[in-house]
Every structure is written in structure tokens, then in C-alpha cells.
Amino acid sequence: MNLTVRTWIAAAALLAIATPAAHADAVIDAAACTISVDGKTFPLAGKVQYVDTFPDFTIRWVDSFADLHVKDVDAFADDCGEWQEVDAFPDFKVKVVDAFEDLKIRRVDAFPGAQ
């Protein structure tokens, strides 16, 4: 096989591994305020932990056309879109990405919830 062809194959394989992929089956249920990813359902309210590896789902912060408006709270994150950041024992773990997200999030000071 030609060295150029091998180089292209190696580059394509490396690109496929390095490219972050969104979950193909991420489904948002606005009425229940949940997201279903890979057969598991997670609430979109509660205690959140931001991680770099092994997230439950991925998010991207946006200024418009958000799937969910999120209000950061210090305690009692019970209503849809209210998130309390914790370091341990989260309800769900998320990774912030720049592309290929499962959910687009907009930070708000009032009226959080699914759009």
C-alpha cells in the first residue's frame, strides 16, 4: 500500500477517535423536565457536577435558541431548570463542549425551565 494512502487512513482513524460525538438518541421531555440518553433518564433539575470525563450527557452554553434555561441556585434545586453545582453525590454529571452537544443551555436569572 502506498505511504500516502496509509497516511490518509491513519489521519481519518485519528480524526474519528478525536472527534467528540453527541449521543444519537438524546431525547428531551419538556413536560417531565428530563433528558433520556442511552436508555437512561436524567432530571433537568437538581444537583449537577461538571466533569471532563464520563458525563451523563453533554451541554453547550448558548445565548439564544436554548433547549433549557438554567438558573444557578445555592440550595433546593427542585424546579425544572434549577441547578445546584456540587462536587460529590450529583443527580447528574455534565460535560461542557463547544460542539456536538446533547443539550443547549442558556443561563438565566429568572424563569428557568424547558423551552
N, C-alpha and C. Protein backbone atom coordinates (compact mmCIF):
# COMPACT_ATOMS: atom_id res chain seq x y z
N MET A 1 0.85 -1.18 0.00
CA MET A 1 0.00 0.00 0.00
C MET A 1 0.89 1.23 0.00
N ASN A 2 0.47 2.20 -0.69
CA ASN A 2 1.21 3.44 -0.82
C ASN A 2 1.28 4.18 0.52
N LEU A 3 2.38 4.84 0.79
CA LEU A 3 2.57 5.57 2.03
C LEU A 3 1.53 6.68 2.19
N THR A 4 1.15 7.34 1.11
CA THR A 4 0.16 8.41 1.15
C THR A 4 -1.20 7.85 1.56
N VAL A 5 -1.58 6.71 1.03
CA VAL A 5 -2.86 6.09 1.39
C VAL A 5 -2.86 5.72 2.86
N ARG A 6 -1.76 5.15 3.35
CA ARG A 6 -1.65 4.80 4.77
C ARG A 6 -1.77 6.04 5.64
N THR A 7 -1.15 7.11 5.21
CA THR A 7 -1.22 8.36 5.97
C THR A 7 -2.65 8.87 6.06
N TRP A 8 -3.38 8.82 4.94
CA TRP A 8 -4.77 9.25 4.94
C TRP A 8 -5.64 8.36 5.81
N ILE A 9 -5.42 7.08 5.78
CA ILE A 9 -6.19 6.15 6.61
C ILE A 9 -5.92 6.41 8.09
N ALA A 10 -4.65 6.60 8.43
CA ALA A 10 -4.28 6.88 9.82
C ALA A 10 -4.88 8.20 10.29
N ALA A 11 -4.85 9.21 9.43
CA ALA A 11 -5.42 10.51 9.78
C ALA A 11 -6.93 10.42 9.98
N ALA A 12 -7.60 9.68 9.12
CA ALA A 12 -9.06 9.51 9.25
C ALA A 12 -9.41 8.76 10.53
N ALA A 13 -8.64 7.74 10.86
CA ALA A 13 -8.89 6.99 12.09
C ALA A 13 -8.66 7.87 13.31
N LEU A 14 -7.62 8.65 13.30
CA LEU A 14 -7.32 9.55 14.41
C LEU A 14 -8.40 10.61 14.55
N LEU A 15 -8.88 11.14 13.45
CA LEU A 15 -9.94 12.14 13.49
C LEU A 15 -11.23 11.54 14.04
N ALA A 16 -11.53 10.33 13.67
CA ALA A 16 -12.74 9.67 14.17
C ALA A 16 -12.67 9.46 15.67
N ILE A 17 -11.51 9.15 16.18
CA ILE A 17 -11.34 8.94 17.62
C ILE A 17 -11.38 10.28 18.35
N ALA A 18 -10.77 11.30 17.80
CA ALA A 18 -10.64 12.60 18.48
C ALA A 18 -11.90 13.44 18.41
N THR A 19 -12.79 13.18 17.49
CA THR A 19 -13.99 13.98 17.33
C THR A 19 -15.02 13.60 18.37
N PRO A 20 -15.46 14.57 19.20
CA PRO A 20 -16.48 14.26 20.19
C PRO A 20 -17.80 13.99 19.49
N ALA A 21 -18.53 13.03 19.98
CA ALA A 21 -19.79 12.68 19.37
C ALA A 21 -20.93 12.85 20.36
N ALA A 22 -22.00 13.48 19.93
CA ALA A 22 -23.19 13.59 20.76
C ALA A 22 -23.89 12.24 20.77
N HIS A 23 -24.65 12.03 21.79
CA HIS A 23 -25.43 10.80 21.85
C HIS A 23 -26.52 10.89 20.79
N ALA A 24 -26.59 9.90 19.95
CA ALA A 24 -27.54 9.93 18.84
C ALA A 24 -28.98 9.86 19.31
N ASP A 25 -29.20 9.28 20.48
CA ASP A 25 -30.57 9.08 20.92
C ASP A 25 -30.93 9.94 22.13
N ALA A 26 -30.34 11.13 22.27
CA ALA A 26 -30.70 12.04 23.36
C ALA A 26 -32.08 12.61 23.08
N VAL A 27 -33.02 12.40 24.01
CA VAL A 27 -34.39 12.85 23.85
C VAL A 27 -34.77 13.71 25.04
N ILE A 28 -35.24 14.92 24.77
CA ILE A 28 -35.64 15.85 25.82
C ILE A 28 -37.15 15.78 25.98
N ASP A 29 -37.62 15.56 27.20
CA ASP A 29 -39.04 15.57 27.52
C ASP A 29 -39.31 16.83 28.32
N ALA A 30 -39.80 17.89 27.65
CA ALA A 30 -40.02 19.17 28.29
C ALA A 30 -41.08 19.09 29.38
N ALA A 31 -42.12 18.30 29.16
CA ALA A 31 -43.20 18.19 30.14
C ALA A 31 -42.71 17.56 31.45
N ALA A 32 -41.87 16.55 31.35
CA ALA A 32 -41.35 15.88 32.54
C ALA A 32 -40.04 16.49 33.02
N CYS A 33 -39.48 17.40 32.24
CA CYS A 33 -38.20 18.06 32.53
C CYS A 33 -37.10 17.02 32.72
N THR A 34 -36.95 16.15 31.72
CA THR A 34 -35.93 15.10 31.75
C THR A 34 -35.24 15.01 30.40
N ILE A 35 -34.09 14.36 30.41
CA ILE A 35 -33.40 14.02 29.18
C ILE A 35 -33.08 12.53 29.25
N SER A 36 -33.32 11.84 28.16
CA SER A 36 -33.03 10.41 28.08
C SER A 36 -31.85 10.22 27.14
N VAL A 37 -30.80 9.57 27.65
CA VAL A 37 -29.58 9.36 26.89
C VAL A 37 -29.16 7.91 27.07
N ASP A 38 -28.97 7.20 25.98
CA ASP A 38 -28.53 5.80 26.02
C ASP A 38 -29.41 4.94 26.92
N GLY A 39 -30.70 5.19 26.89
CA GLY A 39 -31.64 4.37 27.65
C GLY A 39 -31.77 4.76 29.11
N LYS A 40 -31.06 5.78 29.56
CA LYS A 40 -31.15 6.25 30.94
C LYS A 40 -31.80 7.62 30.95
N THR A 41 -32.62 7.88 31.95
CA THR A 41 -33.31 9.16 32.05
C THR A 41 -32.75 9.95 33.23
N PHE A 42 -32.46 11.23 32.97
CA PHE A 42 -31.89 12.11 33.98
C PHE A 42 -32.78 13.34 34.15
N PRO A 43 -32.92 13.82 35.38
CA PRO A 43 -33.71 15.04 35.59
C PRO A 43 -32.94 16.25 35.09
N LEU A 44 -33.65 17.29 34.73
CA LEU A 44 -33.01 18.53 34.33
C LEU A 44 -33.15 19.58 35.43
N ALA A 45 -33.27 19.09 36.65
CA ALA A 45 -33.29 19.92 37.85
C ALA A 45 -32.56 19.14 38.93
N GLY A 46 -31.85 19.85 39.78
CA GLY A 46 -31.19 19.17 40.89
C GLY A 46 -29.71 19.49 40.98
N LYS A 47 -28.99 18.57 41.59
CA LYS A 47 -27.56 18.76 41.84
C LYS A 47 -26.76 18.29 40.63
N VAL A 48 -25.89 19.18 40.13
CA VAL A 48 -25.11 18.91 38.93
C VAL A 48 -23.63 18.95 39.27
N GLN A 49 -22.88 18.06 38.64
CA GLN A 49 -21.42 18.08 38.75
C GLN A 49 -20.87 18.23 37.34
N TYR A 50 -19.99 19.23 37.15
CA TYR A 50 -19.34 19.44 35.87
C TYR A 50 -18.07 18.59 35.84
N VAL A 51 -17.96 17.74 34.82
CA VAL A 51 -16.85 16.80 34.71
C VAL A 51 -16.19 16.90 33.34
N ASP A 52 -14.98 16.36 33.25
CA ASP A 52 -14.29 16.28 31.96
C ASP A 52 -14.41 14.90 31.34
N THR A 53 -14.67 13.88 32.16
CA THR A 53 -14.78 12.51 31.66
C THR A 53 -16.03 11.85 32.22
N PHE A 54 -16.55 10.93 31.48
CA PHE A 54 -17.71 10.11 31.84
C PHE A 54 -18.93 10.93 32.27
N PRO A 55 -19.38 11.87 31.42
CA PRO A 55 -20.60 12.62 31.76
C PRO A 55 -21.84 11.78 31.47
N ASP A 56 -22.94 12.16 32.09
CA ASP A 56 -24.23 11.55 31.75
C ASP A 56 -24.73 12.09 30.42
N PHE A 57 -24.49 13.38 30.18
CA PHE A 57 -24.79 13.99 28.90
C PHE A 57 -23.94 15.25 28.75
N THR A 58 -23.89 15.78 27.52
CA THR A 58 -23.06 16.96 27.24
C THR A 58 -23.95 18.16 27.01
N ILE A 59 -23.41 19.34 27.36
CA ILE A 59 -24.15 20.58 27.18
C ILE A 59 -23.27 21.60 26.48
N ARG A 60 -23.93 22.60 25.89
CA ARG A 60 -23.22 23.74 25.32
C ARG A 60 -23.96 24.98 25.78
N TRP A 61 -23.22 25.96 26.31
CA TRP A 61 -23.81 27.23 26.73
C TRP A 61 -24.08 28.06 25.48
N VAL A 62 -25.29 28.59 25.37
CA VAL A 62 -25.68 29.42 24.23
C VAL A 62 -26.37 30.68 24.72
N ASP A 63 -26.50 31.66 23.85
CA ASP A 63 -27.21 32.89 24.17
C ASP A 63 -28.62 32.92 23.58
N SER A 64 -28.88 32.05 22.62
CA SER A 64 -30.21 32.00 22.01
C SER A 64 -30.51 30.59 21.53
N PHE A 65 -31.77 30.32 21.28
CA PHE A 65 -32.24 29.03 20.79
C PHE A 65 -31.84 27.88 21.72
N ALA A 66 -32.01 28.08 23.01
CA ALA A 66 -31.66 27.07 24.01
C ALA A 66 -32.77 26.04 24.15
N ASP A 67 -32.38 24.81 24.49
CA ASP A 67 -33.35 23.77 24.82
C ASP A 67 -33.84 23.92 26.26
N LEU A 68 -32.98 24.51 27.10
CA LEU A 68 -33.29 24.64 28.53
C LEU A 68 -32.69 25.92 29.06
N HIS A 69 -33.49 26.66 29.85
CA HIS A 69 -32.98 27.82 30.56
C HIS A 69 -32.64 27.36 31.97
N VAL A 70 -31.41 27.66 32.42
CA VAL A 70 -30.92 27.17 33.70
C VAL A 70 -30.64 28.35 34.62
N LYS A 71 -31.13 28.23 35.85
CA LYS A 71 -30.85 29.20 36.91
C LYS A 71 -29.98 28.49 37.94
N ASP A 72 -28.81 29.07 38.24
CA ASP A 72 -27.93 28.51 39.26
C ASP A 72 -28.48 28.90 40.63
N VAL A 73 -28.63 27.92 41.51
CA VAL A 73 -29.14 28.15 42.86
C VAL A 73 -28.15 27.58 43.87
N ASP A 74 -28.22 28.07 45.09
CA ASP A 74 -27.34 27.60 46.15
C ASP A 74 -27.92 26.41 46.91
N ALA A 75 -29.23 26.25 46.88
CA ALA A 75 -29.88 25.15 47.59
C ALA A 75 -31.28 24.93 47.01
N PHE A 76 -31.84 23.78 47.29
CA PHE A 76 -33.21 23.44 46.89
C PHE A 76 -33.45 23.58 45.39
N ALA A 77 -32.67 22.90 44.61
CA ALA A 77 -32.83 22.89 43.15
C ALA A 77 -33.91 21.88 42.79
N ASP A 78 -35.15 22.26 43.05
CA ASP A 78 -36.27 21.33 42.87
C ASP A 78 -37.07 21.56 41.60
N ASP A 79 -37.09 22.78 41.10
CA ASP A 79 -37.90 23.10 39.93
C ASP A 79 -37.10 22.93 38.64
N CYS A 80 -37.81 22.72 37.57
CA CYS A 80 -37.19 22.49 36.26
C CYS A 80 -36.24 23.63 35.90
N GLY A 81 -35.01 23.27 35.57
CA GLY A 81 -34.03 24.24 35.17
C GLY A 81 -33.23 24.85 36.30
N GLU A 82 -33.52 24.48 37.54
CA GLU A 82 -32.72 24.96 38.67
C GLU A 82 -31.60 23.96 38.93
N TRP A 83 -30.37 24.43 38.87
CA TRP A 83 -29.20 23.57 39.06
C TRP A 83 -28.36 24.07 40.21
N GLN A 84 -27.99 23.14 41.08
CA GLN A 84 -27.08 23.42 42.19
C GLN A 84 -25.78 22.69 41.92
N GLU A 85 -24.68 23.42 41.78
CA GLU A 85 -23.39 22.80 41.49
C GLU A 85 -22.83 22.16 42.76
N VAL A 86 -22.42 20.89 42.64
CA VAL A 86 -21.85 20.16 43.76
C VAL A 86 -20.57 19.45 43.29
N ASP A 87 -19.76 19.04 44.27
CA ASP A 87 -18.53 18.30 43.97
C ASP A 87 -18.69 16.80 44.19
N ALA A 88 -19.74 16.40 44.89
CA ALA A 88 -19.95 14.98 45.18
C ALA A 88 -21.45 14.69 45.25
N PHE A 89 -21.79 13.46 44.95
CA PHE A 89 -23.16 12.96 45.01
C PHE A 89 -24.14 13.78 44.16
N PRO A 90 -23.84 13.95 42.86
CA PRO A 90 -24.74 14.71 42.00
C PRO A 90 -25.93 13.86 41.55
N ASP A 91 -26.97 14.55 41.10
CA ASP A 91 -28.10 13.87 40.46
C ASP A 91 -27.74 13.51 39.02
N PHE A 92 -26.87 14.33 38.41
CA PHE A 92 -26.39 14.07 37.06
C PHE A 92 -25.06 14.78 36.86
N LYS A 93 -24.26 14.26 35.90
CA LYS A 93 -22.96 14.83 35.57
C LYS A 93 -22.99 15.31 34.13
N VAL A 94 -22.45 16.49 33.89
CA VAL A 94 -22.43 17.04 32.54
C VAL A 94 -21.02 17.47 32.17
N LYS A 95 -20.77 17.46 30.87
CA LYS A 95 -19.53 17.97 30.31
C LYS A 95 -19.89 19.11 29.38
N VAL A 96 -19.21 20.23 29.53
CA VAL A 96 -19.44 21.39 28.67
C VAL A 96 -18.57 21.23 27.43
N VAL A 97 -19.20 21.31 26.26
CA VAL A 97 -18.50 21.14 24.98
C VAL A 97 -18.79 22.33 24.09
N ASP A 98 -18.01 22.46 23.03
CA ASP A 98 -18.21 23.53 22.06
C ASP A 98 -19.04 23.11 20.85
N ALA A 99 -19.20 21.79 20.67
CA ALA A 99 -19.97 21.28 19.53
C ALA A 99 -20.46 19.88 19.84
N PHE A 100 -21.42 19.42 19.09
CA PHE A 100 -21.96 18.07 19.20
C PHE A 100 -22.55 17.80 20.58
N GLU A 101 -23.28 18.77 21.11
CA GLU A 101 -23.88 18.67 22.43
C GLU A 101 -25.18 17.88 22.39
N ASP A 102 -25.58 17.38 23.57
CA ASP A 102 -26.88 16.74 23.70
C ASP A 102 -27.96 17.78 24.02
N LEU A 103 -27.54 18.87 24.65
CA LEU A 103 -28.49 19.86 25.16
C LEU A 103 -27.87 21.25 25.08
N LYS A 104 -28.64 22.22 24.57
CA LYS A 104 -28.18 23.61 24.54
C LYS A 104 -28.78 24.32 25.75
N ILE A 105 -27.92 25.00 26.52
CA ILE A 105 -28.32 25.62 27.78
C ILE A 105 -28.08 27.13 27.73
N ARG A 106 -29.05 27.87 28.27
CA ARG A 106 -28.88 29.31 28.44
C ARG A 106 -29.03 29.63 29.93
N ARG A 107 -28.06 30.34 30.48
CA ARG A 107 -28.14 30.76 31.89
C ARG A 107 -29.10 31.94 32.01
N VAL A 108 -29.97 31.88 33.00
CA VAL A 108 -30.93 32.96 33.25
C VAL A 108 -30.97 33.28 34.73
N ASP A 109 -31.51 34.46 35.06
CA ASP A 109 -31.68 34.85 36.45
C ASP A 109 -33.11 34.61 36.92
N ALA A 110 -34.02 34.43 35.98
CA ALA A 110 -35.42 34.20 36.32
C ALA A 110 -36.06 33.32 35.25
N PHE A 111 -37.13 32.66 35.63
CA PHE A 111 -37.91 31.83 34.72
C PHE A 111 -37.11 30.69 34.07
N PRO A 112 -36.50 29.83 34.88
CA PRO A 112 -35.80 28.69 34.31
C PRO A 112 -36.79 27.64 33.82
N GLY A 113 -36.32 26.72 32.99
CA GLY A 113 -37.15 25.61 32.56
C GLY A 113 -36.96 25.27 31.10
N ALA A 114 -37.63 24.21 30.69
CA ALA A 114 -37.54 23.72 29.32
C ALA A 114 -38.29 24.65 28.40
N GLN A 115 -37.77 24.80 27.20
CA GLN A 115 -38.37 25.72 26.22
C GLN A 115 -39.12 24.98 25.17
